Every structure is written in structure tokens, then in C-alpha cells.
Amino acid sequence: MSKRLKKELQIMIDEKSGQLFLGDKKKDLRLLMLRPIDIIEFSEFAGANAEDILLWVGKSLGKSVLEKFFYNKDWSQEKLPTKKEVVFGILEALELMGYGHLTGAFKKDHILIKVEDSLSLDEQENIMAKNLCLIYQGIMAGVFDALQIDVDSEEIECVLLGGKHCMFKFDFITEELDDSLIDEDSEETVSGFLSSL
């Protein structure tokens, strides 16, 4: 990991307010400490609207993290290879923030994000823990949205439903990747990728 990223991910404390910040306070990336059970209890309270709310919260978090690390960045001018590297950097940052071990693979018409040791494992006996997966899906959707990569998302494997890990698929809406950007470490299909892990 780069020295810059380690510095960016240090937690700072404002002694006067008692507020935690990720990185330099001037970025205003404030931290709110929530246990997985807090999110589960919120989703129970929200009822039928919980899915949309949690996806929106995750998406807001993803956008915020990206915008705080790259303030005033115009992503419309950046090429896809740069955006791909940013995605991998954000996965590493999320891992350092305690979201589990996150890896990704770019394919011709989709992106796969794998999460091992997800937050939902702490509450796997609670049927509502599935709502924590929506936070992950929303965070990555927010990152792609901020990077101006148009995708549709879905969870295709879940550790809470008997999978080895959680896996999210983000289908490109308007484009396909150039062959030079495709991760060659696995087959071109989702099932091929899953079996190689």
C-alpha cells in the first residue's frame, strides 16, 4: 500500500468536539461509529422502505469517500484505466476501514466485487443481517456513480445464504471494456470467476 494512502486513512480526533475524522480534518470526512446490529435495528424500524434507504445510505457513503479523497476532481475527463485503478484503491481503503477483505475483477461487460469477512458475519444468526449487504452494494454503486461509470448492480452470492463470501456484480449499462482492461486471471463468465476463487 502506498504511504500516501496510509496517511489518508489515519484516524484523527478533534479533542474539542470529540469527533473522529478519517485523514486530515480539512477533508471533513467525519466518522460515525456504528455496530452492525445498529444498522440491522434501523432496518427493522424502517420496515418496507429499508432496502431503498440502505442502498441510498451506502451510495451516499461511497460517493462521499471518493469525493473526499479526490476533491474537485472532474471524472468525465479521465480514461477508464485511471478509473479502474481508483476502484482498486477504494477497495483497499474500505478494507483498511474494517469492511472486510475486498477484491475486484473487471470483465468485458461487468465488474465483480468479492467481500470476505463482511460485517454481516458478526450478526449471521439474525435474519435481518442480510440488510448489511445492501450497504456494500450501495457503497460500490456510489463509487461507480461518482466515477461516472454507469452500472446496474446485484448481489449474486451471499455468505449468509451459504456462499463462501459475498459477491456483487455491476453490469455496464452503456459500454464494454476494451480488451486491454479485462482482468485475465479468470474466465470471462461470472461462474468461471466464482469457481476460480
C-alpha atoms as a PDB file:
ATOM      1  CA  MET A   1       0.000   0.000   0.000  1.00  0.00           C
ATOM      2  CA  SER A   2       1.250   3.477  -0.781  1.00  0.00           C
ATOM      3  CA  LYS A   3       2.487   5.752   2.005  1.00  0.00           C
ATOM      4  CA  ARG A   4       0.028   8.391   0.835  1.00  0.00           C
ATOM      5  CA  LEU A   5      -2.931   6.044   1.266  1.00  0.00           C
ATOM      6  CA  LYS A   6      -1.772   5.054   4.761  1.00  0.00           C
ATOM      7  CA  LYS A   7      -1.586   8.736   5.711  1.00  0.00           C
ATOM      8  CA  GLU A   8      -5.003   9.399   4.168  1.00  0.00           C
ATOM      9  CA  LEU A   9      -6.533   6.594   6.254  1.00  0.00           C
ATOM     10  CA  GLN A  10      -5.235   7.611   9.673  1.00  0.00           C
ATOM     11  CA  ILE A  11      -7.989   8.359  12.163  1.00  0.00           C
ATOM     12  CA  MET A  12      -7.688  11.797  13.761  1.00  0.00           C
ATOM     13  CA  ILE A  13      -9.541  13.066  16.820  1.00  0.00           C
ATOM     14  CA  ASP A  14     -10.789  16.607  17.329  1.00  0.00           C
ATOM     15  CA  GLU A  15     -10.277  16.989  21.092  1.00  0.00           C
ATOM     16  CA  LYS A  16     -12.746  19.897  21.409  1.00  0.00           C
ATOM     17  CA  SER A  17     -15.704  18.227  19.712  1.00  0.00           C
ATOM     18  CA  GLY A  18     -14.770  14.594  20.336  1.00  0.00           C
ATOM     19  CA  GLN A  19     -15.369  13.977  16.614  1.00  0.00           C
ATOM     20  CA  LEU A  20     -13.378  11.350  14.693  1.00  0.00           C
ATOM     21  CA  PHE A  21     -12.061  12.159  11.216  1.00  0.00           C
ATOM     22  CA  LEU A  22     -10.594   9.928   8.532  1.00  0.00           C
ATOM     23  CA  GLY A  23      -7.394  11.617   7.410  1.00  0.00           C
ATOM     24  CA  ASP A  24      -6.848  15.345   7.605  1.00  0.00           C
ATOM     25  CA  LYS A  25      -9.663  17.271   9.318  1.00  0.00           C
ATOM     26  CA  LYS A  26      -9.835  19.743   6.421  1.00  0.00           C
ATOM     27  CA  LYS A  27     -11.304  16.959   4.248  1.00  0.00           C
ATOM     28  CA  ASP A  28     -14.258  16.860   6.618  1.00  0.00           C
ATOM     29  CA  LEU A  29     -14.590  13.081   6.322  1.00  0.00           C
ATOM     30  CA  ARG A  30     -16.227  12.533   9.700  1.00  0.00           C
ATOM     31  CA  LEU A  31     -16.591   9.069  11.128  1.00  0.00           C
ATOM     32  CA  LEU A  32     -19.680   7.763  12.835  1.00  0.00           C
ATOM     33  CA  MET A  33     -19.088   4.510  14.658  1.00  0.00           C
ATOM     34  CA  LEU A  34     -21.969   2.057  14.233  1.00  0.00           C
ATOM     35  CA  ARG A  35     -22.091  -1.598  15.097  1.00  0.00           C
ATOM     36  CA  PRO A  36     -23.651  -3.926  12.520  1.00  0.00           C
ATOM     37  CA  ILE A  37     -26.544  -4.512  14.931  1.00  0.00           C
ATOM     38  CA  ASP A  38     -27.316  -0.756  14.878  1.00  0.00           C
ATOM     39  CA  ILE A  39     -27.863  -0.897  11.118  1.00  0.00           C
ATOM     40  CA  ILE A  40     -29.970  -4.041  11.462  1.00  0.00           C
ATOM     41  CA  GLU A  41     -32.151  -2.417  14.117  1.00  0.00           C
ATOM     42  CA  PHE A  42     -32.564   0.648  11.907  1.00  0.00           C
ATOM     43  CA  SER A  43     -33.681  -1.535   9.004  1.00  0.00           C
ATOM     44  CA  GLU A  44     -36.264  -3.213  11.234  1.00  0.00           C
ATOM     45  CA  PHE A  45     -37.563   0.230  12.192  1.00  0.00           C
ATOM     46  CA  ALA A  46     -37.648   1.399   8.543  1.00  0.00           C
ATOM     47  CA  GLY A  47     -39.720  -1.634   7.551  1.00  0.00           C
ATOM     48  CA  ALA A  48     -40.677  -1.963   3.889  1.00  0.00           C
ATOM     49  CA  ASN A  49     -38.554   1.026   2.872  1.00  0.00           C
ATOM     50  CA  ALA A  50     -35.361  -0.338   4.443  1.00  0.00           C
ATOM     51  CA  GLU A  51     -33.863  -1.702   1.211  1.00  0.00           C
ATOM     52  CA  ASP A  52     -34.121   1.600  -0.660  1.00  0.00           C
ATOM     53  CA  ILE A  53     -32.899   3.569   2.348  1.00  0.00           C
ATOM     54  CA  LEU A  54     -29.870   1.327   2.960  1.00  0.00           C
ATOM     55  CA  LEU A  55     -28.900   1.363  -0.729  1.00  0.00           C
ATOM     56  CA  TRP A  56     -29.180   5.158  -0.687  1.00  0.00           C
ATOM     57  CA  VAL A  57     -27.104   5.409   2.512  1.00  0.00           C
ATOM     58  CA  GLY A  58     -24.439   3.131   1.030  1.00  0.00           C
ATOM     59  CA  LYS A  59     -24.428   5.083  -2.215  1.00  0.00           C
ATOM     60  CA  SER A  60     -24.044   8.360  -0.304  1.00  0.00           C
ATOM     61  CA  LEU A  61     -21.130   6.883   1.668  1.00  0.00           C
ATOM     62  CA  GLY A  62     -19.404   5.634  -1.483  1.00  0.00           C
ATOM     63  CA  LYS A  63     -19.722   8.994  -3.218  1.00  0.00           C
ATOM     64  CA  SER A  64     -18.568  10.840  -0.117  1.00  0.00           C
ATOM     65  CA  VAL A  65     -15.463   8.682   0.365  1.00  0.00           C
ATOM     66  CA  LEU A  66     -14.446   9.117  -3.274  1.00  0.00           C
ATOM     67  CA  GLU A  67     -15.116  12.859  -3.273  1.00  0.00           C
ATOM     68  CA  LYS A  68     -13.172  13.385  -0.036  1.00  0.00           C
ATOM     69  CA  PHE A  69     -10.115  11.531  -1.343  1.00  0.00           C
ATOM     70  CA  PHE A  70     -10.282  13.267  -4.737  1.00  0.00           C
ATOM     71  CA  TYR A  71     -11.877  16.643  -4.048  1.00  0.00           C
ATOM     72  CA  ASN A  72     -12.902  18.768  -7.018  1.00  0.00           C
ATOM     73  CA  LYS A  73     -11.963  16.021  -9.470  1.00  0.00           C
ATOM     74  CA  ASP A  74     -13.731  16.024 -12.831  1.00  0.00           C
ATOM     75  CA  TRP A  75     -14.045  12.320 -13.638  1.00  0.00           C
ATOM     76  CA  SER A  76     -15.591  12.976 -17.063  1.00  0.00           C
ATOM     77  CA  GLN A  77     -12.110  13.834 -18.340  1.00  0.00           C
ATOM     78  CA  GLU A  78     -10.462  10.637 -17.024  1.00  0.00           C
ATOM     79  CA  LYS A  79      -9.941   7.466 -19.033  1.00  0.00           C
ATOM     80  CA  LEU A  80     -11.230   4.096 -17.854  1.00  0.00           C
ATOM     81  CA  PRO A  81      -7.765   2.713 -16.930  1.00  0.00           C
ATOM     82  CA  THR A  82      -7.398   5.504 -14.340  1.00  0.00           C
ATOM     83  CA  LYS A  83     -10.900   4.901 -13.011  1.00  0.00           C
ATOM     84  CA  LYS A  84     -10.140   1.188 -12.710  1.00  0.00           C
ATOM     85  CA  GLU A  85      -7.087   1.935 -10.541  1.00  0.00           C
ATOM     86  CA  VAL A  86      -9.186   4.262  -8.389  1.00  0.00           C
ATOM     87  CA  VAL A  87     -11.738   1.471  -7.841  1.00  0.00           C
ATOM     88  CA  PHE A  88      -8.984  -0.858  -6.622  1.00  0.00           C
ATOM     89  CA  GLY A  89      -7.669   1.908  -4.355  1.00  0.00           C
ATOM     90  CA  ILE A  90     -11.130   2.436  -2.856  1.00  0.00           C
ATOM     91  CA  LEU A  91     -11.449  -1.329  -2.236  1.00  0.00           C
ATOM     92  CA  GLU A  92      -8.156  -1.204  -0.351  1.00  0.00           C
ATOM     93  CA  ALA A  93      -9.309   1.839   1.613  1.00  0.00           C
ATOM     94  CA  LEU A  94     -12.582   0.111   2.565  1.00  0.00           C
ATOM     95  CA  GLU A  95     -10.608  -2.916   3.716  1.00  0.00           C
ATOM     96  CA  LEU A  96      -8.442  -0.727   5.936  1.00  0.00           C
ATOM     97  CA  MET A  97     -11.610   0.883   7.316  1.00  0.00           C
ATOM     98  CA  GLY A  98     -12.825  -2.515   8.533  1.00  0.00           C
ATOM     99  CA  TYR A  99     -15.240  -3.599   5.800  1.00  0.00           C
ATOM    100  CA  GLY A 100     -13.525  -6.978   5.333  1.00  0.00           C
ATOM    101  CA  HIS A 101     -11.268  -8.185   2.529  1.00  0.00           C
ATOM    102  CA  LEU A 102     -12.455  -6.711  -0.783  1.00  0.00           C
ATOM    103  CA  THR A 103     -11.214  -7.658  -4.244  1.00  0.00           C
ATOM    104  CA  GLY A 104     -12.451  -6.841  -7.709  1.00  0.00           C
ATOM    105  CA  ALA A 105     -12.228  -8.031 -11.299  1.00  0.00           C
ATOM    106  CA  PHE A 106     -13.090  -6.067 -14.438  1.00  0.00           C
ATOM    107  CA  LYS A 107     -14.709  -8.144 -17.192  1.00  0.00           C
ATOM    108  CA  LYS A 108     -15.897  -7.309 -20.703  1.00  0.00           C
ATOM    109  CA  ASP A 109     -19.404  -6.225 -19.711  1.00  0.00           C
ATOM    110  CA  HIS A 110     -19.346  -6.215 -15.885  1.00  0.00           C
ATOM    111  CA  ILE A 111     -17.314  -5.757 -12.724  1.00  0.00           C
ATOM    112  CA  LEU A 112     -17.251  -8.286  -9.885  1.00  0.00           C
ATOM    113  CA  ILE A 113     -16.558  -7.263  -6.289  1.00  0.00           C
ATOM    114  CA  LYS A 114     -15.901 -10.017  -3.731  1.00  0.00           C
ATOM    115  CA  VAL A 115     -16.207  -9.374   0.018  1.00  0.00           C
ATOM    116  CA  GLU A 116     -14.707 -11.808   2.512  1.00  0.00           C
ATOM    117  CA  ASP A 117     -15.167 -11.355   6.275  1.00  0.00           C
ATOM    118  CA  SER A 118     -18.046  -8.940   5.719  1.00  0.00           C
ATOM    119  CA  LEU A 119     -19.699  -7.018   8.541  1.00  0.00           C
ATOM    120  CA  SER A 120     -22.740  -9.273   8.265  1.00  0.00           C
ATOM    121  CA  LEU A 121     -20.797 -12.240   9.691  1.00  0.00           C
ATOM    122  CA  ASP A 122     -20.956 -10.649  13.147  1.00  0.00           C
ATOM    123  CA  GLU A 123     -24.734 -10.969  13.072  1.00  0.00           C
ATOM    124  CA  GLN A 124     -25.231 -14.024  10.874  1.00  0.00           C
ATOM    125  CA  GLU A 125     -27.743 -15.554  13.306  1.00  0.00           C
ATOM    126  CA  ASN A 126     -30.016 -12.542  12.774  1.00  0.00           C
ATOM    127  CA  ILE A 127     -32.218 -12.886   9.677  1.00  0.00           C
ATOM    128  CA  MET A 128     -32.073  -9.104   9.205  1.00  0.00           C
ATOM    129  CA  ALA A 129     -28.261  -9.183   8.782  1.00  0.00           C
ATOM    130  CA  LYS A 130     -28.897  -9.552   5.042  1.00  0.00           C
ATOM    131  CA  ASN A 131     -29.590  -5.814   5.052  1.00  0.00           C
ATOM    132  CA  LEU A 132     -25.889  -5.169   5.709  1.00  0.00           C
ATOM    133  CA  CYS A 133     -25.165  -6.490   2.217  1.00  0.00           C
ATOM    134  CA  LEU A 134     -27.184  -3.582   0.841  1.00  0.00           C
ATOM    135  CA  ILE A 135     -24.710  -1.161   2.410  1.00  0.00           C
ATOM    136  CA  TYR A 136     -21.838  -2.800   0.482  1.00  0.00           C
ATOM    137  CA  GLN A 137     -23.819  -2.807  -2.752  1.00  0.00           C
ATOM    138  CA  GLY A 138     -24.738   0.848  -2.254  1.00  0.00           C
ATOM    139  CA  ILE A 139     -21.179   1.928  -1.399  1.00  0.00           C
ATOM    140  CA  MET A 140     -19.782   0.454  -4.594  1.00  0.00           C
ATOM    141  CA  ALA A 141     -22.688   1.797  -6.663  1.00  0.00           C
ATOM    142  CA  GLY A 142     -21.904   5.236  -5.213  1.00  0.00           C
ATOM    143  CA  VAL A 143     -18.228   4.922  -6.124  1.00  0.00           C
ATOM    144  CA  PHE A 144     -19.091   3.928  -9.708  1.00  0.00           C
ATOM    145  CA  ASP A 145     -21.635   6.743  -9.923  1.00  0.00           C
ATOM    146  CA  ALA A 146     -19.104   9.327  -8.721  1.00  0.00           C
ATOM    147  CA  LEU A 147     -16.569   7.968 -11.246  1.00  0.00           C
ATOM    148  CA  GLN A 148     -19.245   8.294 -13.957  1.00  0.00           C
ATOM    149  CA  ILE A 149     -19.249   4.566 -14.717  1.00  0.00           C
ATOM    150  CA  ASP A 150     -22.857   3.622 -15.483  1.00  0.00           C
ATOM    151  CA  VAL A 151     -23.726   0.251 -13.925  1.00  0.00           C
ATOM    152  CA  ASP A 152     -26.660  -1.812 -12.678  1.00  0.00           C
ATOM    153  CA  SER A 153     -25.909  -3.807  -9.532  1.00  0.00           C
ATOM    154  CA  GLU A 154     -26.968  -7.031  -7.875  1.00  0.00           C
ATOM    155  CA  GLU A 155     -25.662  -9.395  -5.221  1.00  0.00           C
ATOM    156  CA  ILE A 156     -25.019 -12.787  -6.815  1.00  0.00           C
ATOM    157  CA  GLU A 157     -23.601 -14.694  -3.839  1.00  0.00           C
ATOM    158  CA  CYS A 158     -24.004 -14.175  -0.101  1.00  0.00           C
ATOM    159  CA  VAL A 159     -22.192 -15.682   2.853  1.00  0.00           C
ATOM    160  CA  LEU A 160     -25.459 -15.509   4.819  1.00  0.00           C
ATOM    161  CA  LEU A 161     -27.154 -17.743   2.247  1.00  0.00           C
ATOM    162  CA  GLY A 162     -24.499 -20.454   2.226  1.00  0.00           C
ATOM    163  CA  GLY A 163     -21.925 -18.840  -0.064  1.00  0.00           C
ATOM    164  CA  LYS A 164     -18.196 -18.731   0.664  1.00  0.00           C
ATOM    165  CA  HIS A 165     -18.321 -14.917   0.562  1.00  0.00           C
ATOM    166  CA  CYS A 166     -20.471 -12.085  -0.723  1.00  0.00           C
ATOM    167  CA  MET A 167     -20.194 -11.274  -4.418  1.00  0.00           C
ATOM    168  CA  PHE A 168     -21.621  -8.258  -6.204  1.00  0.00           C
ATOM    169  CA  LYS A 169     -21.985  -7.891  -9.953  1.00  0.00           C
ATOM    170  CA  PHE A 170     -22.060  -4.471 -11.609  1.00  0.00           C
ATOM    171  CA  ASP A 171     -23.186  -4.677 -15.252  1.00  0.00           C
ATOM    172  CA  PHE A 172     -22.034  -1.896 -17.582  1.00  0.00           C
ATOM    173  CA  ILE A 173     -25.043  -0.058 -18.981  1.00  0.00           C
ATOM    174  CA  THR A 174     -23.546   1.933 -21.851  1.00  0.00           C
ATOM    175  CA  GLU A 175     -20.196   0.408 -22.680  1.00  0.00           C
ATOM    176  CA  GLU A 176     -17.970  -2.637 -22.727  1.00  0.00           C
ATOM    177  CA  LEU A 177     -14.364  -2.698 -21.649  1.00  0.00           C
ATOM    178  CA  ASP A 178     -11.508  -2.615 -24.072  1.00  0.00           C
ATOM    179  CA  ASP A 179      -9.738  -5.997 -24.128  1.00  0.00           C
ATOM    180  CA  SER A 180      -6.612  -4.433 -22.596  1.00  0.00           C
ATOM    181  CA  LEU A 181      -8.557  -3.605 -19.393  1.00  0.00           C
ATOM    182  CA  ILE A 182     -10.062  -7.051 -18.838  1.00  0.00           C
ATOM    183  CA  ASP A 183      -8.618  -8.930 -15.879  1.00  0.00           C
ATOM    184  CA  GLU A 184      -7.309 -12.145 -17.400  1.00  0.00           C
ATOM    185  CA  ASP A 185      -6.873 -14.099 -14.154  1.00  0.00           C
ATOM    186  CA  SER A 186     -10.173 -15.904 -14.664  1.00  0.00           C
ATOM    187  CA  GLU A 187     -12.686 -16.865 -17.301  1.00  0.00           C
ATOM    188  CA  GLU A 188     -14.973 -14.328 -18.864  1.00  0.00           C
ATOM    189  CA  THR A 189     -18.095 -15.626 -17.144  1.00  0.00           C
ATOM    190  CA  VAL A 190     -19.353 -15.000 -13.643  1.00  0.00           C
ATOM    191  CA  SER A 191     -19.479 -18.728 -12.904  1.00  0.00           C
ATOM    192  CA  GLY A 192     -15.893 -19.058 -14.123  1.00  0.00           C
ATOM    193  CA  PHE A 193     -14.808 -16.232 -11.854  1.00  0.00           C
ATOM    194  CA  LEU A 194     -16.638 -17.681  -8.880  1.00  0.00           C
ATOM    195  CA  SER A 195     -15.153 -21.145  -9.380  1.00  0.00           C
ATOM    196  CA  SER A 196     -11.632 -19.727  -9.611  1.00  0.00           C
ATOM    197  CA  LEU A 197     -11.846 -18.145  -6.165  1.00  0.00           C
END
